[in-house]
Amino acid sequence: MTPITIISGDATSPQAKGPKIIAHVCNDLGGWGKGFVLAISKRWPEPEKDYRAWHRGRSGNDFGLGAVRLVRVRPDTWVANMIGQRGIRTGSAGVPIRYDALERCLTALSDHAVELGASVHMPRIGCGLAGGKWSRVEPLISQALSAKGVAVTVYDHDGA
């Protein structure tokens, strides 16, 4: 079991050597325009382009809750677009985060990380616009990634 490391900083600038995956939660509507995705798009255009194309082609691909796509943004860095959020607003069905979908995403992410020999870097996924609680998200990360020896660093944005 590799403990989760929590540091202050920017998850789009991973503090690690070797292969890295930056993981974040996306919605299932094809919307990309608020929250952590803005920081990703500011640094690299490819993750947004891939997400939008993946959503457009959803009738013939695996786009949907629980799905993950890795987009290479540098020779040693990938962004994992994880569909773990139903819609974008809190309503009668509760907050947008879907913990079961996030769990499936993290399991798939773990397989990718092990295959690539990569560490995983993320903000407190699912806890911003998705409305999730860290007390429910952190155990999912521990079970899917840390328990398999994948190093995980969580970045608390320092306002920079």
Protein backbone atom coordinates (compact mmCIF):
# COMPACT_ATOMS: atom_id res chain seq x y z
CA MET A 1 0.00 0.00 0.00
CA THR A 2 1.45 3.33 -1.09
CA PRO A 3 0.05 6.23 0.94
CA ILE A 4 -1.61 9.17 -0.82
CA THR A 5 0.55 12.30 -0.66
CA ILE A 6 -1.28 15.63 -0.34
CA ILE A 7 0.67 18.78 -1.20
CA SER A 8 -0.04 22.39 -2.03
CA GLY A 9 0.42 23.17 -5.71
CA ASP A 10 -0.80 22.83 -9.25
CA ALA A 11 -1.85 19.37 -10.44
CA THR A 12 -1.09 20.37 -14.05
CA SER A 13 2.56 20.64 -13.05
CA PRO A 14 3.24 17.23 -11.45
CA GLN A 15 6.10 17.10 -8.96
CA ALA A 16 7.60 13.73 -9.86
CA LYS A 17 10.15 12.01 -12.03
CA GLY A 18 9.23 9.38 -14.62
CA PRO A 19 5.89 8.73 -16.32
CA LYS A 20 2.96 10.73 -14.92
CA ILE A 21 -0.81 10.67 -15.34
CA ILE A 22 -2.86 13.73 -14.42
CA ALA A 23 -6.36 12.50 -13.53
CA HIS A 24 -9.55 14.52 -13.34
CA VAL A 25 -13.30 14.02 -13.46
CA CYS A 26 -15.40 15.02 -16.48
CA ASN A 27 -19.17 15.16 -16.91
CA ASP A 28 -21.22 12.97 -19.25
CA LEU A 29 -22.74 15.90 -21.17
CA GLY A 30 -19.75 16.90 -23.28
CA GLY A 31 -19.33 20.14 -21.32
CA TRP A 32 -15.79 21.41 -20.77
CA GLY A 33 -15.56 24.96 -19.48
CA LYS A 34 -15.44 25.24 -15.69
CA GLY A 35 -13.22 24.05 -12.90
CA PHE A 36 -9.98 22.12 -13.25
CA VAL A 37 -10.43 21.59 -17.01
CA LEU A 38 -9.65 25.28 -17.54
CA ALA A 39 -6.20 24.75 -16.02
CA ILE A 40 -5.68 21.71 -18.25
CA SER A 41 -6.76 23.58 -21.41
CA LYS A 42 -4.52 26.52 -20.53
CA ARG A 43 -1.51 24.17 -20.57
CA TRP A 44 -2.47 21.70 -23.35
CA PRO A 45 -5.23 21.75 -26.01
CA GLU A 46 -5.23 17.97 -26.65
CA PRO A 47 -7.28 16.73 -23.64
CA GLU A 48 -10.21 19.04 -24.43
CA LYS A 49 -10.10 18.21 -28.16
CA ASP A 50 -10.05 14.49 -27.38
CA TYR A 51 -12.88 14.76 -24.84
CA ARG A 52 -15.11 16.70 -27.25
CA ALA A 53 -14.43 14.26 -30.12
CA TRP A 54 -15.01 11.30 -27.77
CA HIS A 55 -18.36 12.81 -26.72
CA ARG A 56 -19.37 13.61 -30.33
CA GLY A 57 -18.70 10.02 -31.36
CA ARG A 58 -20.38 8.50 -28.29
CA SER A 59 -22.93 6.51 -30.28
CA GLY A 60 -20.06 4.37 -31.55
CA ASN A 61 -17.61 4.33 -28.64
CA ASP A 62 -17.34 3.77 -24.88
CA PHE A 63 -18.06 7.38 -23.79
CA GLY A 64 -20.19 7.28 -20.65
CA LEU A 65 -20.07 7.04 -16.89
CA GLY A 66 -17.10 4.99 -15.73
CA ALA A 67 -15.07 5.40 -18.93
CA VAL A 68 -11.49 6.73 -19.06
CA ARG A 69 -9.36 8.05 -21.91
CA LEU A 70 -5.67 8.82 -21.60
CA VAL A 71 -4.40 11.67 -23.75
CA ARG A 72 -0.63 12.05 -24.13
CA VAL A 73 0.43 15.67 -23.66
CA ARG A 74 4.21 15.21 -23.28
CA PRO A 75 6.53 12.24 -23.87
CA ASP A 76 6.20 11.23 -20.19
CA THR A 77 2.81 12.77 -19.27
CA TRP A 78 -0.81 11.83 -19.95
CA VAL A 79 -4.11 13.42 -18.91
CA ALA A 80 -6.82 10.95 -17.87
CA ASN A 81 -10.30 12.21 -18.78
CA MET A 82 -12.54 10.20 -16.41
CA ILE A 83 -16.32 10.31 -16.85
CA GLY A 84 -17.47 10.26 -13.22
CA GLN A 85 -20.08 12.97 -13.15
CA ARG A 86 -23.74 12.84 -14.28
CA GLY A 87 -24.62 16.24 -15.68
CA ILE A 88 -23.35 19.49 -14.22
CA ARG A 89 -25.97 20.63 -11.71
CA THR A 90 -27.20 19.48 -8.34
CA GLY A 91 -30.85 18.51 -8.67
CA SER A 92 -33.38 15.90 -7.62
CA ALA A 93 -30.81 13.15 -8.27
CA GLY A 94 -28.37 14.87 -5.88
CA VAL A 95 -24.90 16.17 -6.67
CA PRO A 96 -23.35 15.38 -10.09
CA ILE A 97 -20.60 13.03 -8.80
CA ARG A 98 -21.35 9.33 -9.27
CA TYR A 99 -19.15 7.41 -6.85
CA ASP A 100 -19.78 4.06 -8.58
CA ALA A 101 -18.65 5.53 -11.93
CA LEU A 102 -15.65 7.17 -10.26
CA GLU A 103 -14.70 3.82 -8.75
CA ARG A 104 -14.79 2.19 -12.22
CA CYS A 105 -12.71 5.07 -13.62
CA LEU A 106 -10.10 4.71 -10.88
CA THR A 107 -9.87 0.94 -11.42
CA ALA A 108 -9.23 1.49 -15.14
CA LEU A 109 -6.78 4.31 -14.29
CA SER A 110 -4.89 1.93 -12.01
CA ASP A 111 -4.44 -0.55 -14.87
CA HIS A 112 -3.08 2.24 -17.11
CA ALA A 113 -0.74 3.50 -14.38
CA VAL A 114 0.65 0.02 -13.67
CA GLU A 115 1.12 -0.65 -17.41
CA LEU A 116 2.95 2.68 -17.91
CA GLY A 117 4.85 2.55 -14.61
CA ALA A 118 3.33 5.97 -13.92
CA SER A 119 2.55 7.98 -10.81
CA VAL A 120 -0.90 9.63 -10.65
CA HIS A 121 -1.48 13.32 -9.94
CA MET A 122 -4.83 15.01 -9.34
CA PRO A 123 -6.71 17.77 -7.62
CA ARG A 124 -9.29 16.58 -5.03
CA ILE A 125 -11.24 14.92 -7.84
CA GLY A 126 -15.01 14.96 -7.68
CA CYS A 127 -15.05 17.44 -4.79
CA GLY A 128 -15.33 20.74 -6.65
CA LEU A 129 -18.11 21.34 -9.16
CA ALA A 130 -19.13 17.67 -8.97
CA GLY A 131 -20.15 18.18 -5.33
CA GLY A 132 -18.52 15.07 -3.89
CA LYS A 133 -17.10 14.58 -0.42
CA TRP A 134 -13.38 13.85 0.02
CA SER A 135 -14.27 11.44 2.83
CA ARG A 136 -15.94 9.25 0.16
CA VAL A 137 -13.47 9.87 -2.68
CA GLU A 138 -10.21 9.25 -0.81
CA PRO A 139 -11.05 5.61 0.10
CA LEU A 140 -11.86 4.91 -3.57
CA ILE A 141 -8.43 6.25 -4.57
CA SER A 142 -6.76 4.20 -1.83
CA GLN A 143 -8.52 1.00 -2.88
CA ALA A 144 -8.04 1.39 -6.66
CA LEU A 145 -4.57 2.94 -6.81
CA SER A 146 -2.67 2.97 -3.52
CA ALA A 147 -3.48 -0.66 -2.73
CA LYS A 148 -1.88 -1.62 -6.07
CA GLY A 149 1.31 0.30 -5.31
CA VAL A 150 0.53 3.28 -7.54
CA ALA A 151 1.97 6.53 -6.13
CA VAL A 152 -0.75 9.19 -5.91
CA THR A 153 -0.20 12.88 -5.26
CA VAL A 154 -3.21 15.12 -4.57
CA TYR A 155 -2.70 18.83 -5.11
CA ASP A 156 -4.52 21.42 -3.05
CA HIS A 157 -4.53 24.53 -5.22
CA ASP A 158 -2.47 27.24 -3.56
CA GLY A 159 -4.19 30.10 -5.35
CA ALA A 160 -1.29 30.65 -7.77
